[in-house]
Protein backbone atom coordinates (compact mmCIF):
# COMPACT_ATOMS: atom_id res chain seq x y z
CA MET A 1 -21.58 14.88 70.12
CA PRO A 2 -21.26 14.75 66.32
CA LEU A 3 -22.22 17.78 64.30
CA THR A 4 -25.50 18.01 62.42
CA ASP A 5 -26.37 19.90 59.27
CA THR A 6 -28.98 22.00 61.11
CA MET A 7 -26.44 22.97 63.74
CA LEU A 8 -23.97 24.00 61.04
CA ARG A 9 -26.51 26.12 59.12
CA ASN A 10 -27.45 28.06 62.25
CA LEU A 11 -23.85 28.58 63.35
CA LYS A 12 -22.72 32.22 63.64
CA SER A 13 -19.31 33.62 64.53
CA ASP A 14 -18.94 35.66 67.73
CA GLY A 15 -15.71 37.28 66.54
CA THR A 16 -13.32 34.67 67.94
CA PRO A 17 -12.03 31.61 66.10
CA ALA A 18 -13.42 28.28 67.30
CA LYS A 19 -13.11 24.57 66.56
CA LEU A 20 -16.25 22.43 66.58
CA ALA A 21 -15.35 18.74 66.80
CA ASP A 22 -17.29 16.16 64.80
CA SER A 23 -15.66 12.74 65.18
CA GLU A 24 -12.43 10.87 64.46
CA GLY A 25 -10.35 14.05 64.16
CA LEU A 26 -12.69 15.96 61.84
CA TYR A 27 -13.67 19.42 62.95
CA LEU A 28 -15.18 22.61 61.61
CA TYR A 29 -12.96 25.64 62.05
CA LEU A 30 -15.11 28.74 62.51
CA SER A 31 -13.02 31.80 61.73
CA ALA A 32 -13.45 35.14 63.41
CA PHE A 33 -15.02 36.49 60.22
CA GLY A 34 -17.59 33.70 59.87
CA GLY A 35 -15.80 31.30 57.51
CA LYS A 36 -16.60 27.64 58.12
CA LEU A 37 -13.71 25.36 57.07
CA TRP A 38 -13.47 21.58 57.34
CA ARG A 39 -10.18 20.37 58.78
CA MET A 40 -8.61 17.28 60.25
CA ASP A 41 -5.52 17.07 62.45
CA TYR A 42 -3.32 14.00 62.18
CA ARG A 43 0.19 12.81 62.91
CA TYR A 44 2.55 11.47 60.29
CA ALA A 45 6.20 10.56 60.85
CA GLY A 46 6.00 12.03 64.33
CA LYS A 47 4.79 15.43 63.14
CA ARG A 48 1.41 17.05 63.68
CA LYS A 49 -0.25 18.08 60.44
CA THR A 50 -3.56 19.58 59.40
CA LEU A 51 -5.52 18.61 56.32
CA SER A 52 -8.15 20.93 54.86
CA PHE A 53 -11.24 19.61 53.08
CA GLY A 54 -12.91 22.84 51.95
CA ALA A 55 -15.51 25.30 53.15
CA TYR A 56 -18.99 24.59 54.42
CA PRO A 57 -21.59 24.57 52.72
CA ALA A 58 -19.64 23.93 49.47
CA VAL A 59 -18.37 20.75 51.14
CA SER A 60 -21.25 19.17 53.04
CA LEU A 61 -20.96 17.36 56.35
CA LYS A 62 -21.37 14.04 54.55
CA ASP A 63 -18.61 14.90 52.01
CA ALA A 64 -16.28 16.06 54.78
CA ARG A 65 -16.76 12.78 56.63
CA ARG A 66 -16.12 10.86 53.41
CA LYS A 67 -12.88 12.80 52.85
CA ARG A 68 -11.86 12.18 56.45
CA ASP A 69 -12.40 8.45 55.97
CA LYS A 70 -10.25 8.47 52.83
CA ALA A 71 -7.51 10.32 54.70
CA LYS A 72 -7.69 7.79 57.55
CA GLU A 73 -7.42 4.97 55.01
CA LEU A 74 -4.28 6.56 53.52
CA LEU A 75 -2.79 6.93 56.99
CA ALA A 76 -3.51 3.24 57.67
CA ASN A 77 -1.52 2.44 54.52
CA ASP A 78 1.36 4.65 55.76
CA ILE A 79 0.71 7.39 53.17
CA ASP A 80 0.68 11.05 54.16
CA PRO A 81 -2.74 12.36 53.01
CA GLY A 82 -1.46 15.93 52.81
CA ALA A 83 1.42 14.95 50.53
CA GLN A 84 -0.93 12.76 48.47
CA LYS A 85 -3.38 15.67 48.04
CA LYS A 86 -0.53 17.98 47.02
CA ALA A 87 0.83 15.47 44.50
CA VAL A 88 -2.61 15.00 42.91
CA LYS A 89 -3.08 18.77 42.69
CA GLU A 90 0.36 19.29 41.10
CA GLU A 91 -0.32 16.50 38.62
CA ALA A 92 -3.64 18.08 37.63
CA GLU A 93 -1.99 21.49 37.23
CA ALA A 94 0.77 19.99 35.09
CA ALA A 95 -1.81 18.28 32.88
CA ALA A 96 -3.73 21.55 32.53
CA ARG A 97 -0.54 23.42 31.61
CA GLU A 98 0.31 20.74 29.08
CA GLN A 99 -3.13 20.99 27.48
CA ALA A 100 -2.89 24.79 27.37
CA LEU A 101 0.53 24.68 25.69
CA THR A 102 -0.68 23.98 22.16
CA PHE A 103 1.24 24.29 18.92
CA ALA A 104 -0.56 27.57 18.16
CA VAL A 105 0.50 29.10 21.50
CA VAL A 106 4.12 28.02 21.08
CA ALA A 107 4.15 29.21 17.46
CA GLN A 108 2.84 32.61 18.52
CA GLU A 109 5.51 32.95 21.22
CA TRP A 110 8.21 31.76 18.83
CA PHE A 111 7.15 34.26 16.17
CA ALA A 112 6.99 37.12 18.69
CA THR A 113 10.60 36.54 19.72
CA ARG A 114 11.88 36.38 16.12
CA GLN A 115 9.63 38.93 14.46
CA ASP A 116 12.22 41.71 14.65
CA SER A 117 14.75 39.70 12.66
CA TYR A 118 12.50 39.42 9.58
CA ALA A 119 11.92 41.95 6.80
CA ALA A 120 8.36 43.31 6.46
CA ALA A 121 7.56 41.07 3.47
CA ASN A 122 8.89 38.00 5.25
CA ILE A 123 6.83 38.71 8.36
CA LYS A 124 3.62 38.30 6.38
CA LYS A 125 4.93 35.11 4.76
CA LYS A 126 5.88 33.60 8.13
CA GLN A 127 2.48 34.52 9.58
CA TRP A 128 0.81 32.86 6.60
CA LEU A 129 2.92 29.71 7.00
CA ILE A 130 2.12 29.56 10.71
CA SER A 131 -1.59 29.99 9.97
CA LEU A 132 -1.43 27.05 7.52
CA LEU A 133 0.16 24.90 10.21
CA ASN A 134 -2.34 26.09 12.83
CA GLU A 135 -5.27 24.99 10.65
CA ARG A 136 -4.16 21.39 11.00
CA ILE A 137 -2.16 21.10 14.24
CA GLY A 138 -2.72 24.39 16.09
CA ASP A 139 -4.99 22.90 18.76
CA LYS A 140 -2.75 19.93 19.61
CA PRO A 141 -0.61 20.00 22.77
CA ILE A 142 3.01 20.55 21.77
CA SER A 143 4.20 17.64 23.92
CA LYS A 144 1.88 15.24 22.09
CA LEU A 145 2.92 16.23 18.57
CA VAL A 146 4.67 13.55 16.55
CA PRO A 147 6.33 13.86 13.14
CA THR A 148 3.33 12.27 11.42
CA ASP A 149 1.13 15.15 12.68
CA ILE A 150 3.43 17.66 11.03
CA LEU A 151 3.58 15.57 7.86
CA GLY A 152 -0.22 15.50 7.89
CA ALA A 153 -0.22 19.29 7.81
CA ILE A 154 2.35 19.45 5.01
CA ARG A 155 1.15 16.65 2.68
CA PRO A 156 -2.01 18.41 1.40
CA VAL A 157 0.05 21.46 0.37
CA GLU A 158 2.56 19.21 -1.31
CA ALA A 159 -0.22 17.24 -3.04
CA ALA A 160 -1.61 20.50 -4.44
CA GLY A 161 1.72 20.97 -6.24
CA HIS A 162 3.18 23.63 -3.95
CA SER A 163 6.47 21.92 -3.14
CA VAL A 164 8.31 25.12 -2.17
CA THR A 165 5.54 26.06 0.27
CA ALA A 166 5.55 22.52 1.66
CA HIS A 167 9.32 22.76 2.20
CA LYS A 168 8.92 26.13 3.96
CA LEU A 169 6.12 24.69 6.13
CA ALA A 170 8.39 21.84 7.20
CA GLU A 171 11.20 24.30 7.91
CA THR A 172 8.92 26.59 9.95
CA ALA A 173 7.40 23.69 11.92
CA GLY A 174 10.90 22.46 12.72
CA GLN A 175 11.96 25.89 13.92
CA ILE A 176 8.92 26.19 16.17
């Protein structure tokens, strides 16, 4: 008999883990401590695997069934749903890391590693140069920066007649 939302809301743990089957391989794993986790067992390449869909009530019965159907569709296309889920998660994490790794963050790390090699007067100058660069390109992901972005940060300083500062900005940006 398939599970119902009312049945799930009234479900309490008796201290022992249990599996409550829904349909087509989907089940609710009730932990000994009362956690309610959606899971699905499947076979891929001759191996038994388990796919987790999240905790009830954060993932509703309807959502769990939808996720099960998507997993079954992947299996029908000879794709391991567990590996697919892992690949999507890793891709999202890599994109988040890339977005977090901005020019300002890299510049700060770069300056922290080289700060000891500068004289006190030069430390302030380097910090000032980095702050000028950060005003224009500090929030951009480092992997997405192109030379025209750096030129865009240098050109206004150069146009104001500060050619030495512009040269030092280009040098600092290149070092970072």
